[in-house]
């Protein structure tokens, strides 16, 4: 009897998914961009939550964390400094700095002196980096898991 109830529950869930996707209208451009923002924020939040359960050095991907942080900053119109991007990577500063240089060599980020304070370095996601992150989060948004 337990298997029948379990199977019935699975079928009900599957029918709900099928109905949702078969009756779903395409997202407008604004809704798609909102879904991309939501996807990026949820992935970022999930990575931070993961670090509360497992030590970050066990699962570290500092370059990926930096790209997510810079993508979100760009979407929100914020300027990122090296220090904040290094903190976002959740690795020691020297390791984070090496990763920033790797991302810069790959053309995914740009580093520049801060015009207001030459001691500080501004980090921005490059056009290429932005396009790649937008494509990735767009795929997640189109999947339907991050609808506004």
N, C-alpha and C. Protein backbone atom coordinates (compact mmCIF):
# COMPACT_ATOMS: atom_id res chain seq x y z
N UNK A 1 0.82 -1.20 0.00
CA UNK A 1 0.00 0.00 0.00
C UNK A 1 0.86 1.25 0.00
N UNK A 2 1.99 1.20 0.71
CA UNK A 2 2.88 2.34 0.78
C UNK A 2 3.41 2.72 -0.59
N UNK A 3 3.75 1.73 -1.42
CA UNK A 3 4.27 2.01 -2.76
C UNK A 3 3.21 2.69 -3.62
N UNK A 4 1.97 2.28 -3.48
CA UNK A 4 0.89 2.88 -4.27
C UNK A 4 0.73 4.35 -3.89
N UNK A 5 0.75 4.65 -2.59
CA UNK A 5 0.62 6.03 -2.14
C UNK A 5 1.81 6.86 -2.62
N UNK A 6 3.00 6.28 -2.54
CA UNK A 6 4.20 6.99 -2.99
C UNK A 6 4.13 7.25 -4.50
N UNK A 7 3.74 6.23 -5.27
CA UNK A 7 3.62 6.39 -6.72
C UNK A 7 2.55 7.41 -7.08
N UNK A 8 1.44 7.39 -6.35
CA UNK A 8 0.36 8.36 -6.61
C UNK A 8 0.86 9.77 -6.33
N UNK A 9 1.64 9.92 -5.28
CA UNK A 9 2.20 11.23 -4.95
C UNK A 9 3.15 11.71 -6.04
N UNK A 10 3.99 10.81 -6.53
CA UNK A 10 4.91 11.17 -7.62
C UNK A 10 4.16 11.56 -8.88
N UNK A 11 3.13 10.81 -9.20
CA UNK A 11 2.33 11.11 -10.40
C UNK A 11 1.66 12.47 -10.25
N UNK A 12 1.12 12.75 -9.07
CA UNK A 12 0.49 14.05 -8.82
C UNK A 12 1.51 15.18 -9.00
N UNK A 13 2.71 15.00 -8.44
CA UNK A 13 3.76 16.01 -8.59
C UNK A 13 4.14 16.20 -10.05
N UNK A 14 4.28 15.11 -10.76
CA UNK A 14 4.64 15.17 -12.18
C UNK A 14 3.56 15.89 -12.98
N UNK A 15 2.31 15.60 -12.69
CA UNK A 15 1.21 16.28 -13.39
C UNK A 15 1.25 17.78 -13.13
N UNK A 16 1.58 18.16 -11.90
CA UNK A 16 1.70 19.58 -11.59
C UNK A 16 2.80 20.25 -12.38
N UNK A 17 3.93 19.57 -12.51
CA UNK A 17 5.04 20.11 -13.29
C UNK A 17 4.66 20.23 -14.75
N UNK A 18 4.05 19.19 -15.29
CA UNK A 18 3.63 19.21 -16.71
C UNK A 18 2.63 20.34 -16.94
N UNK A 19 1.67 20.49 -16.05
CA UNK A 19 0.68 21.56 -16.20
C UNK A 19 1.34 22.93 -16.14
N UNK A 20 2.25 23.08 -15.21
CA UNK A 20 2.93 24.37 -15.07
C UNK A 20 3.67 24.75 -16.34
N UNK A 21 4.40 23.80 -16.90
CA UNK A 21 5.20 24.10 -18.09
C UNK A 21 4.35 24.18 -19.35
N UNK A 22 3.27 23.42 -19.42
CA UNK A 22 2.46 23.45 -20.64
C UNK A 22 1.57 24.68 -20.70
N UNK A 23 1.24 25.27 -19.56
CA UNK A 23 0.36 26.45 -19.55
C UNK A 23 1.13 27.74 -19.31
N UNK A 24 2.42 27.63 -19.14
CA UNK A 24 3.23 28.80 -18.83
C UNK A 24 3.43 29.67 -20.07
N UNK A 25 3.17 30.93 -19.92
CA UNK A 25 3.44 31.85 -21.02
C UNK A 25 4.91 32.23 -21.00
N UNK A 26 5.45 32.59 -22.13
CA UNK A 26 6.85 33.02 -22.14
C UNK A 26 7.02 34.28 -21.28
N UNK A 27 8.18 34.40 -20.65
CA UNK A 27 8.46 35.58 -19.85
C UNK A 27 8.68 36.78 -20.77
N UNK A 28 8.25 37.94 -20.31
CA UNK A 28 8.56 39.16 -21.03
C UNK A 28 10.05 39.43 -20.85
N UNK A 29 10.59 40.37 -21.60
CA UNK A 29 12.01 40.69 -21.47
C UNK A 29 12.33 41.20 -20.06
N UNK A 30 11.44 42.01 -19.51
CA UNK A 30 11.65 42.53 -18.15
C UNK A 30 11.60 41.38 -17.14
N UNK A 31 10.62 40.48 -17.29
CA UNK A 31 10.52 39.34 -16.39
C UNK A 31 11.75 38.43 -16.51
N UNK A 32 12.24 38.27 -17.73
CA UNK A 32 13.44 37.44 -17.94
C UNK A 32 14.64 38.06 -17.21
N UNK A 33 14.80 39.38 -17.31
CA UNK A 33 15.91 40.04 -16.61
C UNK A 33 15.73 39.95 -15.10
N UNK A 34 14.50 40.05 -14.61
CA UNK A 34 14.24 39.89 -13.17
C UNK A 34 14.57 38.46 -12.73
N UNK A 35 14.24 37.50 -13.57
CA UNK A 35 14.53 36.09 -13.26
C UNK A 35 16.03 35.85 -13.25
N UNK A 36 16.77 36.52 -14.12
CA UNK A 36 18.22 36.41 -14.13
C UNK A 36 18.80 36.97 -12.84
N UNK A 37 18.30 38.14 -12.42
CA UNK A 37 18.74 38.72 -11.14
C UNK A 37 18.46 37.76 -9.99
N UNK A 38 17.27 37.21 -9.98
CA UNK A 38 16.88 36.28 -8.92
C UNK A 38 17.75 35.03 -8.93
N UNK A 39 18.03 34.50 -10.11
CA UNK A 39 18.87 33.30 -10.22
C UNK A 39 20.26 33.58 -9.66
N UNK A 40 20.84 34.71 -10.05
CA UNK A 40 22.19 35.06 -9.57
C UNK A 40 22.20 35.21 -8.06
N UNK A 41 21.21 35.89 -7.51
CA UNK A 41 21.15 36.08 -6.06
C UNK A 41 20.94 34.76 -5.33
N UNK A 42 20.08 33.90 -5.86
CA UNK A 42 19.82 32.60 -5.21
C UNK A 42 21.06 31.70 -5.25
N UNK A 43 21.78 31.71 -6.36
CA UNK A 43 23.01 30.91 -6.44
C UNK A 43 24.02 31.45 -5.43
N UNK A 44 24.15 32.76 -5.36
CA UNK A 44 25.07 33.38 -4.40
C UNK A 44 24.67 33.01 -2.97
N UNK A 45 23.39 33.12 -2.65
CA UNK A 45 22.92 32.79 -1.31
C UNK A 45 23.14 31.31 -0.99
N UNK A 46 22.92 30.45 -1.98
CA UNK A 46 23.12 29.01 -1.77
C UNK A 46 24.59 28.71 -1.47
N UNK A 47 25.48 29.40 -2.16
CA UNK A 47 26.92 29.19 -1.92
C UNK A 47 27.30 29.66 -0.52
N UNK A 48 26.73 30.76 -0.07
CA UNK A 48 27.02 31.24 1.29
C UNK A 48 26.44 30.29 2.32
N UNK A 49 25.24 29.79 2.08
CA UNK A 49 24.61 28.86 3.01
C UNK A 49 25.42 27.56 3.09
N UNK A 50 25.93 27.12 1.96
CA UNK A 50 26.75 25.91 1.91
C UNK A 50 27.95 26.06 2.83
N UNK A 51 28.53 27.26 2.87
CA UNK A 51 29.71 27.51 3.71
C UNK A 51 29.39 27.49 5.20
N UNK A 52 28.12 27.60 5.56
CA UNK A 52 27.73 27.51 6.96
C UNK A 52 27.70 26.05 7.43
N UNK A 53 27.58 25.14 6.48
CA UNK A 53 27.48 23.73 6.81
C UNK A 53 28.82 23.01 6.63
N UNK A 54 29.53 23.36 5.57
CA UNK A 54 30.81 22.73 5.26
C UNK A 54 31.89 23.80 5.17
N UNK A 55 33.07 23.46 5.56
CA UNK A 55 34.18 24.41 5.50
C UNK A 55 34.41 24.84 4.05
N UNK A 56 34.52 26.13 3.83
CA UNK A 56 34.64 26.67 2.48
C UNK A 56 35.87 26.14 1.75
N UNK A 57 36.95 25.83 2.48
CA UNK A 57 38.15 25.33 1.80
C UNK A 57 37.93 23.94 1.20
N UNK A 58 36.89 23.25 1.61
CA UNK A 58 36.59 21.93 1.04
C UNK A 58 35.92 22.05 -0.34
N UNK A 59 35.23 23.14 -0.57
CA UNK A 59 34.43 23.29 -1.78
C UNK A 59 34.77 24.56 -2.55
N UNK A 60 35.88 25.16 -2.26
CA UNK A 60 36.19 26.48 -2.79
C UNK A 60 36.30 26.57 -4.30
N UNK A 61 35.68 27.57 -4.83
CA UNK A 61 35.81 27.97 -6.22
C UNK A 61 35.88 29.50 -6.24
N UNK A 62 37.01 30.05 -5.82
CA UNK A 62 37.08 31.50 -5.65
C UNK A 62 36.80 32.28 -6.93
N UNK A 63 37.25 31.78 -8.06
CA UNK A 63 37.00 32.49 -9.31
C UNK A 63 35.51 32.58 -9.61
N UNK A 64 34.80 31.50 -9.36
CA UNK A 64 33.35 31.48 -9.60
C UNK A 64 32.64 32.42 -8.65
N UNK A 65 33.03 32.41 -7.38
CA UNK A 65 32.42 33.31 -6.41
C UNK A 65 32.66 34.77 -6.80
N UNK A 66 33.86 35.06 -7.27
CA UNK A 66 34.16 36.43 -7.70
C UNK A 66 33.30 36.84 -8.89
N UNK A 67 33.16 35.95 -9.85
CA UNK A 67 32.36 36.28 -11.04
C UNK A 67 30.90 36.50 -10.68
N UNK A 68 30.35 35.67 -9.79
CA UNK A 68 28.97 35.87 -9.36
C UNK A 68 28.84 37.22 -8.67
N UNK A 69 29.75 37.52 -7.75
CA UNK A 69 29.71 38.78 -7.02
C UNK A 69 29.81 39.97 -7.97
N UNK A 70 30.72 39.91 -8.94
CA UNK A 70 30.89 41.02 -9.88
C UNK A 70 29.70 41.15 -10.83
N UNK A 71 29.10 40.03 -11.21
CA UNK A 71 27.92 40.06 -12.06
C UNK A 71 26.77 40.76 -11.34
N UNK A 72 26.55 40.36 -10.09
CA UNK A 72 25.48 40.99 -9.30
C UNK A 72 25.76 42.47 -9.10
N UNK A 73 27.01 42.82 -8.79
CA UNK A 73 27.37 44.23 -8.61
C UNK A 73 27.09 45.03 -9.88
N UNK A 74 27.45 44.48 -11.02
CA UNK A 74 27.20 45.16 -12.30
C UNK A 74 25.71 45.36 -12.52
N UNK A 75 24.92 44.33 -12.23
CA UNK A 75 23.46 44.42 -12.41
C UNK A 75 22.86 45.47 -11.48
N UNK A 76 23.46 45.64 -10.31
CA UNK A 76 22.95 46.60 -9.33
C UNK A 76 23.59 47.97 -9.45
N UNK A 77 24.52 48.12 -10.40
CA UNK A 77 25.16 49.41 -10.61
C UNK A 77 26.17 49.77 -9.52
N UNK A 78 26.70 48.76 -8.84
CA UNK A 78 27.67 49.00 -7.77
C UNK A 78 29.09 48.88 -8.30
N UNK A 79 30.00 49.62 -7.71
CA UNK A 79 31.42 49.53 -8.02
C UNK A 79 32.05 48.60 -7.00
N UNK A 80 32.89 47.68 -7.45
CA UNK A 80 33.55 46.73 -6.55
C UNK A 80 35.03 47.05 -6.46
N UNK A 81 35.53 47.03 -5.26
CA UNK A 81 36.96 47.20 -5.02
C UNK A 81 37.58 45.82 -4.81
N UNK A 82 38.89 45.74 -5.04
CA UNK A 82 39.60 44.47 -4.89
C UNK A 82 39.31 43.86 -3.52
N UNK A 83 39.35 44.65 -2.48
CA UNK A 83 39.15 44.13 -1.13
C UNK A 83 37.81 43.42 -1.00
N UNK A 84 36.73 44.02 -1.50
CA UNK A 84 35.40 43.40 -1.36
C UNK A 84 35.28 42.14 -2.22
N UNK A 85 35.89 42.16 -3.40
CA UNK A 85 35.84 40.98 -4.26
C UNK A 85 36.64 39.84 -3.63
N UNK A 86 37.76 40.17 -3.03
CA UNK A 86 38.57 39.16 -2.34
C UNK A 86 37.80 38.57 -1.17
N UNK A 87 37.10 39.39 -0.42
CA UNK A 87 36.27 38.89 0.68
C UNK A 87 35.16 37.98 0.16
N UNK A 88 34.58 38.35 -0.97
CA UNK A 88 33.50 37.55 -1.55
C UNK A 88 33.97 36.16 -1.96
N UNK A 89 35.24 36.03 -2.26
CA UNK A 89 35.77 34.74 -2.71
C UNK A 89 35.96 33.76 -1.56
N UNK A 90 35.98 34.27 -0.34
CA UNK A 90 36.08 33.45 0.86
C UNK A 90 37.36 32.61 0.90
N UNK A 91 38.43 33.19 0.40
CA UNK A 91 39.76 32.56 0.48
C UNK A 91 40.74 33.63 0.97
N UNK A 92 41.94 33.23 1.40
CA UNK A 92 42.92 34.24 1.83
C UNK A 92 43.17 35.28 0.73
N UNK A 93 43.50 36.48 1.17
CA UNK A 93 43.68 37.61 0.25
C UNK A 93 44.67 37.30 -0.87
N UNK A 94 45.79 36.67 -0.57
CA UNK A 94 46.79 36.40 -1.60
C UNK A 94 46.25 35.41 -2.64
N UNK A 95 45.49 34.43 -2.20
CA UNK A 95 44.88 33.48 -3.12
C UNK A 95 43.84 34.19 -3.99
N UNK A 96 43.04 35.02 -3.36
CA UNK A 96 42.02 35.77 -4.10
C UNK A 96 42.67 36.68 -5.15
N UNK A 97 43.74 37.34 -4.76
CA UNK A 97 44.44 38.23 -5.70
C UNK A 97 44.96 37.45 -6.90
N UNK A 98 45.51 36.25 -6.66
CA UNK A 98 45.97 35.41 -7.78
C UNK A 98 44.80 35.04 -8.69
N UNK A 99 43.65 34.73 -8.09
CA UNK A 99 42.49 34.40 -8.89
C UNK A 99 42.01 35.60 -9.71
N UNK A 100 42.07 36.78 -9.12
CA UNK A 100 41.69 37.98 -9.89
C UNK A 100 42.59 38.14 -11.11
N UNK A 101 43.86 37.89 -10.94
CA UNK A 101 44.80 37.99 -12.06
C UNK A 101 44.50 36.94 -13.13
N UNK A 102 44.12 35.74 -12.72
CA UNK A 102 43.74 34.69 -13.68
C UNK A 102 42.50 35.14 -14.46
N UNK A 103 41.50 35.64 -13.74
CA UNK A 103 40.28 36.10 -14.40
C UNK A 103 40.57 37.27 -15.35
N UNK A 104 41.50 38.12 -14.95
CA UNK A 104 41.88 39.24 -15.81
C UNK A 104 42.57 38.72 -17.07
N UNK A 105 43.50 37.78 -16.93
CA UNK A 105 44.19 37.21 -18.11
C UNK A 105 43.21 36.53 -19.06
N UNK A 106 42.17 35.93 -18.49
CA UNK A 106 41.16 35.25 -19.31
C UNK A 106 40.17 36.24 -19.94
N UNK A 107 40.30 37.51 -19.59
CA UNK A 107 39.42 38.53 -20.16
C UNK A 107 38.04 38.59 -19.53
N UNK A 108 37.90 38.05 -18.32
CA UNK A 108 36.60 38.02 -17.66
C UNK A 108 36.37 39.20 -16.72
N UNK A 109 37.48 39.81 -16.24
CA UNK A 109 37.37 40.99 -15.38
C UNK A 109 38.38 42.04 -15.84
N UNK A 110 38.13 43.28 -15.40
CA UNK A 110 39.06 44.38 -15.66
C UNK A 110 39.42 45.02 -14.33
N UNK A 111 40.69 45.32 -14.17
CA UNK A 111 41.18 46.01 -12.97
C UNK A 111 41.63 47.41 -13.38
N UNK A 112 41.32 48.39 -12.56
CA UNK A 112 41.73 49.77 -12.84
C UNK A 112 41.89 50.53 -11.54
N UNK A 113 42.75 51.51 -11.53
CA UNK A 113 42.92 52.36 -10.35
C UNK A 113 41.64 53.15 -10.12
N UNK A 114 41.29 53.33 -8.87
CA UNK A 114 40.13 54.13 -8.50
C UNK A 114 40.48 55.59 -8.74
N UNK A 115 39.67 56.28 -9.52
CA UNK A 115 39.97 57.68 -9.84
C UNK A 115 39.87 58.59 -8.62
N UNK A 116 39.14 58.17 -7.59
CA UNK A 116 38.98 58.98 -6.39
C UNK A 116 40.09 58.73 -5.36
N UNK A 117 40.66 57.54 -5.41
CA UNK A 117 41.71 57.18 -4.45
C UNK A 117 42.65 56.20 -5.15
N UNK A 118 43.80 56.67 -5.57
CA UNK A 118 44.72 55.86 -6.37
C UNK A 118 45.29 54.67 -5.61
N UNK A 119 45.07 54.62 -4.29
CA UNK A 119 45.54 53.46 -3.53
C UNK A 119 44.60 52.27 -3.70
N UNK A 120 43.39 52.53 -4.18
CA UNK A 120 42.40 51.46 -4.32
C UNK A 120 42.32 51.01 -5.78
N UNK A 121 41.95 49.73 -5.96
CA UNK A 121 41.80 49.16 -7.29
C UNK A 121 40.34 48.73 -7.48
N UNK A 122 39.75 49.21 -8.55
CA UNK A 122 38.37 48.86 -8.90
C UNK A 122 38.39 47.62 -9.77
N UNK A 123 37.46 46.71 -9.50
CA UNK A 123 37.32 45.50 -10.31
C UNK A 123 35.94 45.52 -10.93
N UNK A 124 35.90 45.28 -12.24
CA UNK A 124 34.61 45.19 -12.94
C UNK A 124 34.61 43.94 -13.79
N UNK A 125 33.46 43.37 -13.93
CA UNK A 125 33.33 42.24 -14.84
C UNK A 125 33.45 42.80 -16.25
N UNK A 126 34.15 42.11 -17.13
CA UNK A 126 34.32 42.59 -18.50
C UNK A 126 33.04 42.33 -19.29
N UNK A 127 32.97 42.89 -20.48
CA UNK A 127 31.80 42.65 -21.34
C UNK A 127 31.68 41.17 -21.64
N UNK A 128 32.79 40.52 -21.91
CA UNK A 128 32.79 39.09 -22.19
C UNK A 128 32.35 38.30 -20.96
N UNK A 129 32.90 38.64 -19.80
CA UNK A 129 32.52 37.96 -18.57
C UNK A 129 31.05 38.15 -18.25
N UNK A 130 30.58 39.38 -18.45
CA UNK A 130 29.17 39.68 -18.21
C UNK A 130 28.28 38.85 -19.13
N UNK A 131 28.64 38.81 -20.41
CA UNK A 131 27.84 38.06 -21.38
C UNK A 131 27.77 36.58 -21.02
N UNK A 132 28.87 36.02 -20.58
CA UNK A 132 28.89 34.60 -20.22
C UNK A 132 28.05 34.34 -18.97
N UNK A 133 28.18 35.20 -17.98
CA UNK A 133 27.38 35.03 -16.76
C UNK A 133 25.90 35.25 -17.05
N UNK A 134 25.60 36.23 -17.89
CA UNK A 134 24.21 36.49 -18.28
C UNK A 134 23.63 35.27 -18.98
N UNK A 135 24.41 34.67 -19.85
CA UNK A 135 23.96 33.46 -20.56
C UNK A 135 23.70 32.33 -19.56
N UNK A 136 24.61 32.13 -18.62
CA UNK A 136 24.44 31.06 -17.63
C UNK A 136 23.18 31.28 -16.80
N UNK A 137 23.04 32.47 -16.21
CA UNK A 137 21.88 32.72 -15.37
C UNK A 137 20.60 32.80 -16.20
N UNK A 138 20.72 33.18 -17.46
CA UNK A 138 19.57 33.14 -18.36
C UNK A 138 19.09 31.72 -18.58
N UNK A 139 20.02 30.77 -18.68
CA UNK A 139 19.63 29.36 -18.82
C UNK A 139 18.87 28.90 -17.58
N UNK A 140 19.35 29.29 -16.40
CA UNK A 140 18.65 28.92 -15.17
C UNK A 140 17.27 29.58 -15.13
N UNK A 141 17.19 30.83 -15.54
CA UNK A 141 15.93 31.56 -15.51
C UNK A 141 14.91 30.94 -16.49
N UNK A 142 15.37 30.56 -17.68
CA UNK A 142 14.48 29.94 -18.66
C UNK A 142 13.97 28.59 -18.20
N UNK A 143 14.75 27.95 -17.35
CA UNK A 143 14.37 26.66 -16.79
C UNK A 143 13.08 26.78 -15.98
N UNK A 144 12.81 28.00 -15.49
CA UNK A 144 11.57 28.24 -14.77
C UNK A 144 11.69 28.19 -13.26
N UNK A 145 12.86 27.92 -12.75
CA UNK A 145 13.02 27.81 -11.31
C UNK A 145 13.14 29.17 -10.64
N UNK A 146 13.37 30.20 -11.41
CA UNK A 146 13.62 31.52 -10.82
C UNK A 146 12.72 32.58 -11.44
N UNK A 147 11.44 32.27 -11.49
CA UNK A 147 10.51 33.24 -12.06
C UNK A 147 10.25 34.35 -11.07
N UNK A 148 10.13 35.58 -11.59
CA UNK A 148 9.87 36.73 -10.69
C UNK A 148 8.49 36.65 -10.07
